[in-house]
Amino acid sequence: MRIRMMLAGVAAAGLMAFPAMALDGQYGTQLREMLTEAAEGSCNEALMAPGLLSACQGQIAGMSQGLQALGAIESMTFVSAEDTPAGRVETWSVKYAGGQTRTWFIGQQQPDGKFNAAGTGG
């Protein structure tokens, strides 16, 4: 009886851990591309839905300077994902060559592959 209870506990723990292990970032490549192009002074029309593209174009000059000051992207680490009514939003930790790390989000992807949301949380 005791062994059966322990095995049931192990099986339950495995089932509970499975969704966390399966959770992975899907938008890292697109985020890196957006950030790299923004550092170069352009907004990626192929990845940005009209509202996000408009917001990017309105602040690209200052954003480009800020991203250039951080240096090149050294690494990106997937932090989390949240399903919202408008679609999945992922959070990423981005480490720059200058030594700083910033938290970015990207998501609400449309059927055409363009994103409605991208930005930094600090």
PDB file of N, CA and C in Angstrom:
ATOM      1  N   MET A   1       0.820  -1.189   0.000  1.00  0.00           N
ATOM      2  CA  MET A   1       0.000   0.000   0.000  1.00  0.00           C
ATOM      3  C   MET A   1       0.865   1.254   0.000  1.00  0.00           C
ATOM      4  N   ARG A   2       1.888   1.244   0.864  1.00  0.00           N
ATOM      5  CA  ARG A   2       2.750   2.415   0.977  1.00  0.00           C
ATOM      6  C   ARG A   2       3.495   2.667  -0.338  1.00  0.00           C
ATOM      7  N   ILE A   3       3.989   1.607  -0.985  1.00  0.00           N
ATOM      8  CA  ILE A   3       4.705   1.751  -2.250  1.00  0.00           C
ATOM      9  C   ILE A   3       3.763   2.282  -3.332  1.00  0.00           C
ATOM     10  N   ARG A   4       2.538   1.794  -3.364  1.00  0.00           N
ATOM     11  CA  ARG A   4       1.561   2.250  -4.350  1.00  0.00           C
ATOM     12  C   ARG A   4       1.303   3.753  -4.185  1.00  0.00           C
ATOM     13  N   MET A   5       1.197   4.228  -2.946  1.00  0.00           N
ATOM     14  CA  MET A   5       0.972   5.655  -2.676  1.00  0.00           C
ATOM     15  C   MET A   5       2.171   6.476  -3.145  1.00  0.00           C
ATOM     16  N   MET A   6       3.384   5.971  -2.913  1.00  0.00           N
ATOM     17  CA  MET A   6       4.580   6.682  -3.330  1.00  0.00           C
ATOM     18  C   MET A   6       4.649   6.769  -4.849  1.00  0.00           C
ATOM     19  N   LEU A   7       4.338   5.677  -5.542  1.00  0.00           N
ATOM     20  CA  LEU A   7       4.351   5.685  -6.997  1.00  0.00           C
ATOM     21  C   LEU A   7       3.288   6.623  -7.554  1.00  0.00           C
ATOM     22  N   ALA A   8       2.142   6.633  -6.920  1.00  0.00           N
ATOM     23  CA  ALA A   8       1.092   7.554  -7.356  1.00  0.00           C
ATOM     24  C   ALA A   8       1.563   9.002  -7.178  1.00  0.00           C
ATOM     25  N   GLY A   9       2.274   9.261  -6.068  1.00  0.00           N
ATOM     26  CA  GLY A   9       2.806  10.597  -5.829  1.00  0.00           C
ATOM     27  C   GLY A   9       3.847  10.983  -6.858  1.00  0.00           C
ATOM     28  N   VAL A  10       4.721  10.061  -7.214  1.00  0.00           N
ATOM     29  CA  VAL A  10       5.744  10.313  -8.232  1.00  0.00           C
ATOM     30  C   VAL A  10       5.085  10.565  -9.586  1.00  0.00           C
ATOM     31  N   ALA A  11       4.084   9.767  -9.935  1.00  0.00           N
ATOM     32  CA  ALA A  11       3.377   9.954 -11.202  1.00  0.00           C
ATOM     33  C   ALA A  11       2.682  11.309 -11.235  1.00  0.00           C
ATOM     34  N   ALA A  12       2.039  11.685 -10.147  1.00  0.00           N
ATOM     35  CA  ALA A  12       1.367  12.985 -10.094  1.00  0.00           C
ATOM     36  C   ALA A  12       2.371  14.119 -10.212  1.00  0.00           C
ATOM     37  N   ALA A  13       3.514  13.999  -9.544  1.00  0.00           N
ATOM     38  CA  ALA A  13       4.546  15.033  -9.635  1.00  0.00           C
ATOM     39  C   ALA A  13       5.055  15.145 -11.066  1.00  0.00           C
ATOM     40  N   GLY A  14       5.227  14.014 -11.729  1.00  0.00           N
ATOM     41  CA  GLY A  14       5.676  14.029 -13.120  1.00  0.00           C
ATOM     42  C   GLY A  14       4.682  14.703 -14.036  1.00  0.00           C
ATOM     43  N   LEU A  15       3.411  14.444 -13.846  1.00  0.00           N
ATOM     44  CA  LEU A  15       2.387  15.076 -14.667  1.00  0.00           C
ATOM     45  C   LEU A  15       2.319  16.575 -14.429  1.00  0.00           C
ATOM     46  N   MET A  16       2.508  16.975 -13.187  1.00  0.00           N
ATOM     47  CA  MET A  16       2.465  18.403 -12.875  1.00  0.00           C
ATOM     48  C   MET A  16       3.690  19.114 -13.443  1.00  0.00           C
ATOM     49  N   ALA A  17       4.840  18.457 -13.503  1.00  0.00           N
ATOM     50  CA  ALA A  17       6.060  19.076 -14.004  1.00  0.00           C
ATOM     51  C   ALA A  17       6.079  19.124 -15.526  1.00  0.00           C
ATOM     52  N   PHE A  18       5.382  18.232 -16.188  1.00  0.00           N
ATOM     53  CA  PHE A  18       5.426  18.144 -17.642  1.00  0.00           C
ATOM     54  C   PHE A  18       5.069  19.448 -18.350  1.00  0.00           C
ATOM     55  N   PRO A  19       3.974  20.146 -17.988  1.00  0.00           N
ATOM     56  CA  PRO A  19       3.687  21.387 -18.691  1.00  0.00           C
ATOM     57  C   PRO A  19       4.807  22.410 -18.543  1.00  0.00           C
ATOM     58  N   ALA A  20       5.451  22.476 -17.398  1.00  0.00           N
ATOM     59  CA  ALA A  20       6.535  23.425 -17.202  1.00  0.00           C
ATOM     60  C   ALA A  20       7.723  23.063 -18.087  1.00  0.00           C
ATOM     61  N   MET A  21       8.010  21.779 -18.228  1.00  0.00           N
ATOM     62  CA  MET A  21       9.128  21.366 -19.077  1.00  0.00           C
ATOM     63  C   MET A  21       8.796  21.606 -20.541  1.00  0.00           C
ATOM     64  N   ALA A  22       7.540  21.497 -20.909  1.00  0.00           N
ATOM     65  CA  ALA A  22       7.141  21.665 -22.294  1.00  0.00           C
ATOM     66  C   ALA A  22       7.097  23.143 -22.691  1.00  0.00           C
ATOM     67  N   LEU A  23       7.004  24.014 -21.713  1.00  0.00           N
ATOM     68  CA  LEU A  23       6.916  25.438 -21.963  1.00  0.00           C
ATOM     69  C   LEU A  23       8.233  25.925 -22.544  1.00  0.00           C
ATOM     70  N   ASP A  24       8.170  26.560 -23.703  1.00  0.00           N
ATOM     71  CA  ASP A  24       9.372  27.031 -24.356  1.00  0.00           C
ATOM     72  C   ASP A  24       9.029  28.255 -25.181  1.00  0.00           C
ATOM     73  N   GLY A  25      10.015  29.073 -25.423  1.00  0.00           N
ATOM     74  CA  GLY A  25       9.796  30.270 -26.218  1.00  0.00           C
ATOM     75  C   GLY A  25       9.658  29.954 -27.699  1.00  0.00           C
ATOM     76  N   GLN A  26       8.755  30.656 -28.342  1.00  0.00           N
ATOM     77  CA  GLN A  26       8.526  30.469 -29.771  1.00  0.00           C
ATOM     78  C   GLN A  26       8.937  31.695 -30.587  1.00  0.00           C
ATOM     79  N   TYR A  27       9.087  32.851 -29.928  1.00  0.00           N
ATOM     80  CA  TYR A  27       9.276  34.103 -30.654  1.00  0.00           C
ATOM     81  C   TYR A  27      10.666  34.718 -30.494  1.00  0.00           C
ATOM     82  N   GLY A  28      11.628  33.968 -30.000  1.00  0.00           N
ATOM     83  CA  GLY A  28      12.958  34.507 -29.763  1.00  0.00           C
ATOM     84  C   GLY A  28      13.642  35.015 -31.018  1.00  0.00           C
ATOM     85  N   THR A  29      13.542  34.276 -32.091  1.00  0.00           N
ATOM     86  CA  THR A  29      14.170  34.678 -33.352  1.00  0.00           C
ATOM     87  C   THR A  29      13.593  35.997 -33.846  1.00  0.00           C
ATOM     88  N   GLN A  30      12.272  36.117 -33.770  1.00  0.00           N
ATOM     89  CA  GLN A  30      11.622  37.347 -34.222  1.00  0.00           C
ATOM     90  C   GLN A  30      11.986  38.536 -33.336  1.00  0.00           C
ATOM     91  N   LEU A  31      12.050  38.320 -32.025  1.00  0.00           N
ATOM     92  CA  LEU A  31      12.427  39.397 -31.123  1.00  0.00           C
ATOM     93  C   LEU A  31      13.854  39.854 -31.401  1.00  0.00           C
ATOM     94  N   ARG A  32      14.760  38.919 -31.567  1.00  0.00           N
ATOM     95  CA  ARG A  32      16.151  39.271 -31.875  1.00  0.00           C
ATOM     96  C   ARG A  32      16.223  40.089 -33.166  1.00  0.00           C
ATOM     97  N   GLU A  33      15.484  39.666 -34.170  1.00  0.00           N
ATOM     98  CA  GLU A  33      15.469  40.384 -35.454  1.00  0.00           C
ATOM     99  C   GLU A  33      14.924  41.805 -35.279  1.00  0.00           C
ATOM    100  N   MET A  34      13.831  41.945 -34.530  1.00  0.00           N
ATOM    101  CA  MET A  34      13.267  43.283 -34.276  1.00  0.00           C
ATOM    102  C   MET A  34      14.264  44.184 -33.566  1.00  0.00           C
ATOM    103  N   LEU A  35      14.910  43.660 -32.527  1.00  0.00           N
ATOM    104  CA  LEU A  35      15.843  44.456 -31.737  1.00  0.00           C
ATOM    105  C   LEU A  35      17.086  44.837 -32.536  1.00  0.00           C
ATOM    106  N   THR A  36      17.590  43.906 -33.321  1.00  0.00           N
ATOM    107  CA  THR A  36      18.772  44.172 -34.137  1.00  0.00           C
ATOM    108  C   THR A  36      18.478  45.259 -35.168  1.00  0.00           C
ATOM    109  N   GLU A  37      17.345  45.162 -35.828  1.00  0.00           N
ATOM    110  CA  GLU A  37      16.989  46.159 -36.829  1.00  0.00           C
ATOM    111  C   GLU A  37      16.682  47.508 -36.183  1.00  0.00           C
ATOM    112  N   ALA A  38      16.064  47.503 -35.013  1.00  0.00           N
ATOM    113  CA  ALA A  38      15.789  48.761 -34.317  1.00  0.00           C
ATOM    114  C   ALA A  38      17.099  49.446 -33.920  1.00  0.00           C
ATOM    115  N   ALA A  39      18.086  48.674 -33.502  1.00  0.00           N
ATOM    116  CA  ALA A  39      19.394  49.244 -33.169  1.00  0.00           C
ATOM    117  C   ALA A  39      20.037  49.885 -34.396  1.00  0.00           C
ATOM    118  N   GLU A  40      19.726  49.338 -35.558  1.00  0.00           N
ATOM    119  CA  GLU A  40      20.258  49.872 -36.820  1.00  0.00           C
ATOM    120  C   GLU A  40      19.427  51.044 -37.349  1.00  0.00           C
ATOM    121  N   GLY A  41      18.323  51.355 -36.654  1.00  0.00           N
ATOM    122  CA  GLY A  41      17.514  52.510 -37.032  1.00  0.00           C
ATOM    123  C   GLY A  41      16.308  52.232 -37.891  1.00  0.00           C
ATOM    124  N   SER A  42      15.885  50.970 -37.962  1.00  0.00           N
ATOM    125  CA  SER A  42      14.699  50.682 -38.775  1.00  0.00           C
ATOM    126  C   SER A  42      13.722  49.789 -38.028  1.00  0.00           C
ATOM    127  N   CYS A  43      12.468  49.905 -38.395  1.00  0.00           N
ATOM    128  CA  CYS A  43      11.384  49.096 -37.838  1.00  0.00           C
ATOM    129  C   CYS A  43      11.064  47.989 -38.829  1.00  0.00           C
ATOM    130  N   ASN A  44      10.964  46.776 -38.368  1.00  0.00           N
ATOM    131  CA  ASN A  44      10.781  45.609 -39.220  1.00  0.00           C
ATOM    132  C   ASN A  44       9.318  45.485 -39.659  1.00  0.00           C
ATOM    133  N   GLU A  45       9.036  45.937 -40.858  1.00  0.00           N
ATOM    134  CA  GLU A  45       7.663  45.912 -41.382  1.00  0.00           C
ATOM    135  C   GLU A  45       7.138  44.498 -41.577  1.00  0.00           C
ATOM    136  N   ALA A  46       8.033  43.549 -41.819  1.00  0.00           N
ATOM    137  CA  ALA A  46       7.615  42.166 -42.043  1.00  0.00           C
ATOM    138  C   ALA A  46       7.123  41.506 -40.761  1.00  0.00           C
ATOM    139  N   LEU A  47       7.556  42.012 -39.597  1.00  0.00           N
ATOM    140  CA  LEU A  47       7.185  41.393 -38.328  1.00  0.00           C
ATOM    141  C   LEU A  47       6.212  42.222 -37.499  1.00  0.00           C
ATOM    142  N   MET A  48       6.009  43.474 -37.853  1.00  0.00           N
ATOM    143  CA  MET A  48       5.190  44.360 -37.025  1.00  0.00           C
ATOM    144  C   MET A  48       3.839  44.652 -37.660  1.00  0.00           C
ATOM    145  N   ALA A  49       2.777  44.414 -36.892  1.00  0.00           N
ATOM    146  CA  ALA A  49       1.431  44.785 -37.319  1.00  0.00           C
ATOM    147  C   ALA A  49       1.362  46.321 -37.371  1.00  0.00           C
ATOM    148  N   PRO A  50       0.383  46.878 -38.074  1.00  0.00           N
ATOM    149  CA  PRO A  50       0.337  48.334 -38.262  1.00  0.00           C
ATOM    150  C   PRO A  50       0.467  49.177 -36.983  1.00  0.00           C
ATOM    151  N   GLY A  51      -0.217  48.813 -35.918  1.00  0.00           N
ATOM    152  CA  GLY A  51      -0.142  49.597 -34.680  1.00  0.00           C
ATOM    153  C   GLY A  51       1.245  49.576 -34.063  1.00  0.00           C
ATOM    154  N   LEU A  52       1.876  48.412 -34.040  1.00  0.00           N
ATOM    155  CA  LEU A  52       3.223  48.295 -33.491  1.00  0.00           C
ATOM    156  C   LEU A  52       4.226  49.001 -34.397  1.00  0.00           C
ATOM    157  N   LEU A  53       4.049  48.876 -35.687  1.00  0.00           N
ATOM    158  CA  LEU A  53       4.938  49.543 -36.641  1.00  0.00           C
ATOM    159  C   LEU A  53       4.868  51.059 -36.479  1.00  0.00           C
ATOM    160  N   SER A  54       3.662  51.572 -36.344  1.00  0.00           N
ATOM    161  CA  SER A  54       3.476  53.014 -36.147  1.00  0.00           C
ATOM    162  C   SER A  54       4.147  53.490 -34.855  1.00  0.00           C
ATOM    163  N   ALA A  55       3.975  52.735 -33.782  1.00  0.00           N
ATOM    164  CA  ALA A  55       4.603  53.088 -32.507  1.00  0.00           C
ATOM    165  C   ALA A  55       6.125  53.056 -32.639  1.00  0.00           C
ATOM    166  N   CYS A  56       6.641  52.056 -33.322  1.00  0.00           N
ATOM    167  CA  CYS A  56       8.082  51.939 -33.526  1.00  0.00           C
ATOM    168  C   CYS A  56       8.614  53.131 -34.322  1.00  0.00           C
ATOM    169  N   GLN A  57       7.944  53.454 -35.408  1.00  0.00           N
ATOM    170  CA  GLN A  57       8.391  54.565 -36.251  1.00  0.00           C
ATOM    171  C   GLN A  57       8.386  55.890 -35.502  1.00  0.00           C
ATOM    172  N   GLY A  58       7.479  56.047 -34.553  1.00  0.00           N
ATOM    173  CA  GLY A  58       7.388  57.274 -33.780  1.00  0.00           C
ATOM    174  C   GLY A  58       8.498  57.455 -32.767  1.00  0.00           C
ATOM    175  N   GLN A  59       9.190  56.369 -32.438  1.00  0.00           N
ATOM    176  CA  GLN A  59      10.242  56.478 -31.428  1.00  0.00           C
ATOM    177  C   GLN A  59      11.571  55.844 -31.843  1.00  0.00           C
ATOM    178  N   ILE A  60      11.726  55.525 -33.124  1.00  0.00           N
ATOM    179  CA  ILE A  60      12.911  54.792 -33.569  1.00  0.00           C
ATOM    180  C   ILE A  60      14.210  55.562 -33.354  1.00  0.00           C
ATOM    181  N   ALA A  61      14.223  56.855 -33.509  1.00  0.00           N
ATOM    182  CA  ALA A  61      15.470  57.621 -33.354  1.00  0.00           C
ATOM    183  C   ALA A  61      16.051  57.438 -31.948  1.00  0.00           C
ATOM    184  N   GLY A  62      15.248  57.677 -30.934  1.00  0.00           N
ATOM    185  CA  GLY A  62      15.717  57.520 -29.563  1.00  0.00           C
ATOM    186  C   GLY A  62      15.965  56.075 -29.201  1.00  0.00           C
ATOM    187  N   MET A  63      15.093  55.183 -29.696  1.00  0.00           N
ATOM    188  CA  MET A  63      15.228  53.763 -29.399  1.00  0.00           C
ATOM    189  C   MET A  63      16.518  53.212 -30.011  1.00  0.00           C
ATOM    190  N   SER A  64      16.823  53.628 -31.221  1.00  0.00           N
ATOM    191  CA  SER A  64      18.022  53.165 -31.900  1.00  0.00           C
ATOM    192  C   SER A  64      19.277  53.568 -31.118  1.00  0.00           C
ATOM    193  N   GLN A  65      19.333  54.789 -30.682  1.00  0.00           N
ATOM    194  CA  GLN A  65      20.493  55.259 -29.904  1.00  0.00           C
ATOM    195  C   GLN A  65      20.629  54.475 -28.600  1.00  0.00           C
ATOM    196  N   GLY A  66      19.517  54.252 -27.924  1.00  0.00           N
ATOM    197  CA  GLY A  66      19.544  53.509 -26.668  1.00  0.00           C
ATOM    198  C   GLY A  66      20.014  52.080 -26.851  1.00  0.00           C
ATOM    199  N   LEU A  67      19.538  51.417 -27.904  1.00  0.00           N
ATOM    200  CA  LEU A  67      19.933  50.037 -28.169  1.00  0.00           C
ATOM    201  C   LEU A  67      21.402  49.951 -28.586  1.00  0.00           C
ATOM    202  N   GLN A  68      21.848  50.912 -29.376  1.00  0.00           N
ATOM    203  CA  GLN A  68      23.261  50.934 -29.772  1.00  0.00           C
ATOM    204  C   GLN A  68      24.165  51.098 -28.553  1.00  0.00           C
ATOM    205  N   ALA A  69      23.737  51.909 -27.595  1.00  0.00           N
ATOM    206  CA  ALA A  69      24.528  52.137 -26.387  1.00  0.00           C
ATOM    207  C   ALA A  69      24.654  50.865 -25.549  1.00  0.00           C
ATOM    208  N   LEU A  70      23.675  49.968 -25.624  1.00  0.00           N
ATOM    209  CA  LEU A  70      23.727  48.710 -24.882  1.00  0.00           C
ATOM    210  C   LEU A  70      24.726  47.721 -25.484  1.00  0.00           C
ATOM    211  N   GLY A  71      24.995  47.864 -26.762  1.00  0.00           N
ATOM    212  CA  GLY A  71      25.887  46.940 -27.459  1.00  0.00           C
ATOM    213  C   GLY A  71      25.102  45.821 -28.126  1.00  0.00           C
ATOM    214  N   ALA A  72      25.830  44.941 -28.752  1.00  0.00           N
ATOM    215  CA  ALA A  72      25.205  43.815 -29.459  1.00  0.00           C
ATOM    216  C   ALA A  72      24.547  42.852 -28.468  1.00  0.00           C
ATOM    217  N   ILE A  73      23.567  42.129 -28.940  1.00  0.00           N
ATOM    218  CA  ILE A  73      22.921  41.108 -28.123  1.00  0.00           C
ATOM    219  C   ILE A  73      23.896  39.943 -27.949  1.00  0.00           C
ATOM    220  N   GLU A  74      24.183  39.609 -26.696  1.00  0.00           N
ATOM    221  CA  GLU A  74      25.053  38.466 -26.401  1.00  0.00           C
ATOM    222  C   GLU A  74      24.258  37.186 -26.240  1.00  0.00           C
ATOM    223  N   SER A  75      23.120  37.287 -25.531  1.00  0.00           N
ATOM    224  CA  SER A  75      22.304  36.099 -25.314  1.00  0.00           C
ATOM    225  C   SER A  75      20.870  36.499 -25.001  1.00  0.00           C
ATOM    226  N   MET A  76      19.984  35.550 -25.229  1.00  0.00           N
ATOM    227  CA  MET A  76      18.570  35.736 -24.921  1.00  0.00           C
ATOM    228  C   MET A  76      18.087  34.496 -24.180  1.00  0.00           C
ATOM    229  N   THR A  77      17.343  34.735 -23.102  1.00  0.00           N
ATOM    230  CA  THR A  77      16.820  33.634 -22.301  1.00  0.00           C
ATOM    231  C   THR A  77      15.312  33.764 -22.184  1.00  0.00           C
ATOM    232  N   PHE A  78      14.624  32.705 -22.550  1.00  0.00           N
ATOM    233  CA  PHE A  78      13.175  32.686 -22.412  1.00  0.00           C
ATOM    234  C   PHE A  78      12.814  32.688 -20.931  1.00  0.00           C
ATOM    235  N   VAL A  79      11.898  33.590 -20.536  1.00  0.00           N
ATOM    236  CA  VAL A  79      11.493  33.708 -19.141  1.00  0.00           C
ATOM    237  C   VAL A  79      10.125  33.077 -18.910  1.00  0.00           C
ATOM    238  N   SER A  80       9.135  33.502 -19.707  1.00  0.00           N
ATOM    239  CA  SER A  80       7.783  32.994 -19.489  1.00  0.00           C
ATOM    240  C   SER A  80       6.903  33.303 -20.693  1.00  0.00           C
ATOM    241  N   ALA A  81       5.720  32.710 -20.665  1.00  0.00           N
ATOM    242  CA  ALA A  81       4.702  32.983 -21.684  1.00  0.00           C
ATOM    243  C   ALA A  81       3.357  33.090 -20.983  1.00  0.00           C
ATOM    244  N   GLU A  82       2.529  33.941 -21.517  1.00  0.00           N
ATOM    245  CA  GLU A  82       1.180  34.106 -20.978  1.00  0.00           C
ATOM    246  C   GLU A  82       0.193  34.111 -22.134  1.00  0.00           C
ATOM    247  N   ASP A  83      -0.857  33.332 -21.990  1.00  0.00           N
ATOM    248  CA  ASP A  83      -1.922  33.353 -22.984  1.00  0.00           C
ATOM    249  C   ASP A  83      -2.898  34.450 -22.608  1.00  0.00           C
ATOM    250  N   THR A  84      -3.073  35.406 -23.516  1.00  0.00           N
ATOM    251  CA  THR A  84      -3.995  36.513 -23.302  1.00  0.00           C
ATOM    252  C   THR A  84      -5.144  36.371 -24.300  1.00  0.00           C
ATOM    253  N   PRO A  85      -6.226  37.116 -24.115  1.00  0.00           N
ATOM    254  CA  PRO A  85      -7.323  37.044 -25.090  1.00  0.00           C
ATOM    255  C   PRO A  85      -6.873  37.394 -26.512  1.00  0.00           C
ATOM    256  N   ALA A  86      -5.841  38.224 -26.642  1.00  0.00           N
ATOM    257  CA  ALA A  86      -5.346  38.610 -27.959  1.00  0.00           C
ATOM    258  C   ALA A  86      -4.227  37.699 -28.460  1.00  0.00           C
ATOM    259  N   GLY A  87      -3.857  36.696 -27.670  1.00  0.00           N
ATOM    260  CA  GLY A  87      -2.824  35.753 -28.087  1.00  0.00           C
ATOM    261  C   GLY A  87      -1.661  35.675 -27.111  1.00  0.00           C
ATOM    262  N   ARG A  88      -0.792  34.756 -27.372  1.00  0.00           N
ATOM    263  CA  ARG A  88       0.373  34.481 -26.523  1.00  0.00           C
ATOM    264  C   ARG A  88       1.319  35.684 -26.474  1.00  0.00           C
ATOM    265  N   VAL A  89       1.832  35.962 -25.273  1.00  0.00           N
ATOM    266  CA  VAL A  89       2.854  36.993 -25.076  1.00  0.00           C
ATOM    267  C   VAL A  89       4.001  36.354 -24.302  1.00  0.00           C
ATOM    268  N   GLU A  90       5.196  36.452 -24.872  1.00  0.00           N
ATOM    269  CA  GLU A  90       6.379  35.887 -24.247  1.00  0.00           C
ATOM    270  C   GLU A  90       7.243  36.973 -23.631  1.00  0.00           C
ATOM    271  N   THR A  91       7.937  36.615 -22.561  1.00  0.00           N
ATOM    272  CA  THR A  91       8.888  37.512 -21.912  1.00  0.00           C
ATOM    273  C   THR A  91      10.272  36.893 -22.050  1.00  0.00           C
ATOM    274  N   TRP A  92      11.232  37.725 -22.421  1.00  0.00           N
ATOM    275  CA  TRP A  92      12.605  37.299 -22.658  1.00  0.00           C
ATOM    276  C   TRP A  92      13.569  38.193 -21.892  1.00  0.00           C
ATOM    277  N   SER A  93      14.630  37.617 -21.394  1.00  0.00           N
ATOM    278  CA  SER A  93      15.726  38.355 -20.776  1.00  0.00           C
ATOM    279  C   SER A  93      16.834  38.445 -21.823  1.00  0.00           C
ATOM    280  N   VAL A  94      17.238  39.681 -22.138  1.00  0.00           N
ATOM    281  CA  VAL A  94      18.231  39.903 -23.193  1.00  0.00           C
ATOM    282  C   VAL A  94      19.485  40.525 -22.580  1.00  0.00           C
ATOM    283  N   LYS A  95      20.609  39.830 -22.739  1.00  0.00           N
ATOM    284  CA  LYS A  95      21.880  40.328 -22.220  1.00  0.00           C
ATOM    285  C   LYS A  95      22.656  40.973 -23.370  1.00  0.00           C
ATOM    286  N   TYR A  96      23.177  42.177 -23.096  1.00  0.00           N
ATOM    287  CA  TYR A  96      23.897  42.940 -24.107  1.00  0.00           C
ATOM    288  C   TYR A  96      25.392  42.947 -23.838  1.00  0.00           C
ATOM    289  N   ALA A  97      26.182  43.196 -24.887  1.00  0.00           N
ATOM    290  CA  ALA A  97      27.640  43.207 -24.796  1.00  0.00           C
ATOM    291  C   ALA A  97      28.143  44.230 -23.788  1.00  0.00           C
ATOM    292  N   GLY A  98      27.402  45.300 -23.573  1.00  0.00           N
ATOM    293  CA  GLY A  98      27.797  46.319 -22.607  1.00  0.00           C
ATOM    294  C   GLY A  98      27.619  45.881 -21.162  1.00  0.00           C
ATOM    295  N   GLY A  99      27.081  44.684 -20.942  1.00  0.00           N
ATOM    296  CA  GLY A  99      26.947  44.139 -19.599  1.00  0.00           C
ATOM    297  C   GLY A  99      25.557  44.252 -18.993  1.00  0.00           C
ATOM    298  N   GLN A 100      24.681  45.014 -19.609  1.00  0.00           N
ATOM    299  CA  GLN A 100      23.334  45.166 -19.064  1.00  0.00           C
ATOM    300  C   GLN A 100      22.393  44.087 -19.599  1.00  0.00           C
ATOM    301  N   THR A 101      21.368  43.824 -18.803  1.00  0.00           N
ATOM    302  CA  THR A 101      20.319  42.888 -19.192  1.00  0.00           C
ATOM    303  C   THR A 101      18.984  43.623 -19.142  1.00  0.00           C
ATOM    304  N   ARG A 102      18.180  43.445 -20.161  1.00  0.00           N
ATOM    305  CA  ARG A 102      16.853  44.057 -20.234  1.00  0.00           C
ATOM    306  C   ARG A 102      15.812  42.966 -20.418  1.00  0.00           C
ATOM    307  N   THR A 103      14.624  43.218 -19.911  1.00  0.00           N
ATOM    308  CA  THR A 103      13.499  42.305 -20.084  1.00  0.00           C
ATOM    309  C   THR A 103      12.621  42.844 -21.205  1.00  0.00           C
ATOM    310  N   TRP A 104      12.352  41.998 -22.184  1.00  0.00           N
ATOM    311  CA  TRP A 104      11.529  42.357 -23.341  1.00  0.00           C
ATOM    312  C   TRP A 104      10.349  41.405 -23.447  1.00  0.00           C
ATOM    313  N   PHE A 105       9.268  41.895 -24.048  1.00  0.00           N
ATOM    314  CA  PHE A 105       8.129  41.027 -24.341  1.00  0.00           C
ATOM    315  C   PHE A 105       7.791  41.140 -25.813  1.00  0.00           C
ATOM    316  N   ILE A 106       7.184  40.082 -26.338  1.00  0.00           N
ATOM    317  CA  ILE A 106       6.742  40.034 -27.729  1.00  0.00           C
ATOM    318  C   ILE A 106       5.552  39.089 -27.798  1.00  0.00           C
ATOM    319  N   GLY A 107       4.561  39.440 -28.615  1.00  0.00           N
ATOM    320  CA  GLY A 107       3.433  38.530 -28.734  1.00  0.00           C
ATOM    321  C   GLY A 107       2.254  39.079 -29.486  1.00  0.00           C
ATOM    322  N   GLN A 108       1.134  38.417 -29.261  1.00  0.00           N
ATOM    323  CA  GLN A 108      -0.116  38.704 -29.953  1.00  0.00           C
ATOM    324  C   GLN A 108       0.084  38.631 -31.471  1.00  0.00           C
ATOM    325  N   GLN A 109       0.647  37.491 -31.886  1.00  0.00           N
ATOM    326  CA  GLN A 109       0.947  37.271 -33.294  1.00  0.00           C
ATOM    327  C   GLN A 109      -0.336  37.060 -34.092  1.00  0.00           C
ATOM    328  N   GLN A 110      -0.403  37.721 -35.220  1.00  0.00           N
ATOM    329  CA  GLN A 110      -1.548  37.606 -36.131  1.00  0.00           C
ATOM    330  C   GLN A 110      -1.356  36.399 -37.049  1.00  0.00           C
ATOM    331  N   PRO A 111      -2.403  35.989 -37.746  1.00  0.00           N
ATOM    332  CA  PRO A 111      -2.269  34.860 -38.693  1.00  0.00           C
ATOM    333  C   PRO A 111      -1.231  35.118 -39.785  1.00  0.00           C
ATOM    334  N   ASP A 112      -0.978  36.386 -40.129  1.00  0.00           N
ATOM    335  CA  ASP A 112       0.014  36.692 -41.156  1.00  0.00           C
ATOM    336  C   ASP A 112       1.440  36.697 -40.606  1.00  0.00           C
ATOM    337  N   GLY A 113       1.610  36.387 -39.310  1.00  0.00           N
ATOM    338  CA  GLY A 113       2.926  36.312 -38.715  1.00  0.00           C
ATOM    339  C   GLY A 113       3.402  37.598 -38.070  1.00  0.00           C
ATOM    340  N   LYS A 114       2.661  38.680 -38.245  1.00  0.00           N
ATOM    341  CA  LYS A 114       3.052  39.964 -37.650  1.00  0.00           C
ATOM    342  C   LYS A 114       2.589  40.053 -36.202  1.00  0.00           C
ATOM    343  N   PHE A 115       3.340  40.822 -35.412  1.00  0.00           N
ATOM    344  CA  PHE A 115       3.060  40.951 -33.985  1.00  0.00           C
ATOM    345  C   PHE A 115       2.384  42.285 -33.649  1.00  0.00           C
ATOM    346  N   ASN A 116       1.450  42.224 -32.725  1.00  0.00           N
ATOM    347  CA  ASN A 116       0.770  43.417 -32.245  1.00  0.00           C
ATOM    348  C   ASN A 116       1.433  44.018 -31.016  1.00  0.00           C
ATOM    349  N   ALA A 117       2.276  43.242 -30.342  1.00  0.00           N
ATOM    350  CA  ALA A 117       2.882  43.707 -29.088  1.00  0.00           C
ATOM    351  C   ALA A 117       4.366  43.367 -29.043  1.00  0.00           C
ATOM    352  N   ALA A 118       5.166  44.342 -28.656  1.00  0.00           N
ATOM    353  CA  ALA A 118       6.596  44.149 -28.387  1.00  0.00           C
ATOM    354  C   ALA A 118       7.044  45.367 -27.595  1.00  0.00           C
ATOM    355  N   GLY A 119       7.909  45.134 -26.639  1.00  0.00           N
ATOM    356  CA  GLY A 119       8.409  46.258 -25.849  1.00  0.00           C
ATOM    357  C   GLY A 119       9.286  45.768 -24.721  1.00  0.00           C
ATOM    358  N   THR A 120       9.673  46.704 -23.887  1.00  0.00           N
ATOM    359  CA  THR A 120      10.552  46.374 -22.776  1.00  0.00           C
ATOM    360  C   THR A 120       9.869  46.652 -21.447  1.00  0.00           C
ATOM    361  N   GLY A 121      10.199  45.816 -20.500  1.00  0.00           N
ATOM    362  CA  GLY A 121       9.690  46.006 -19.149  1.00  0.00           C
ATOM    363  C   GLY A 121      10.791  46.505 -18.236  1.00  0.00           C
ATOM    364  N   GLY A 122      11.947  46.800 -18.797  1.00  0.00           N
ATOM    365  CA  GLY A 122      13.060  47.334 -17.997  1.00  0.00           C
ATOM    366  C   GLY A 122      14.330  46.595 -18.204  1.00  0.00           C
TER     367      GLY A 122
END
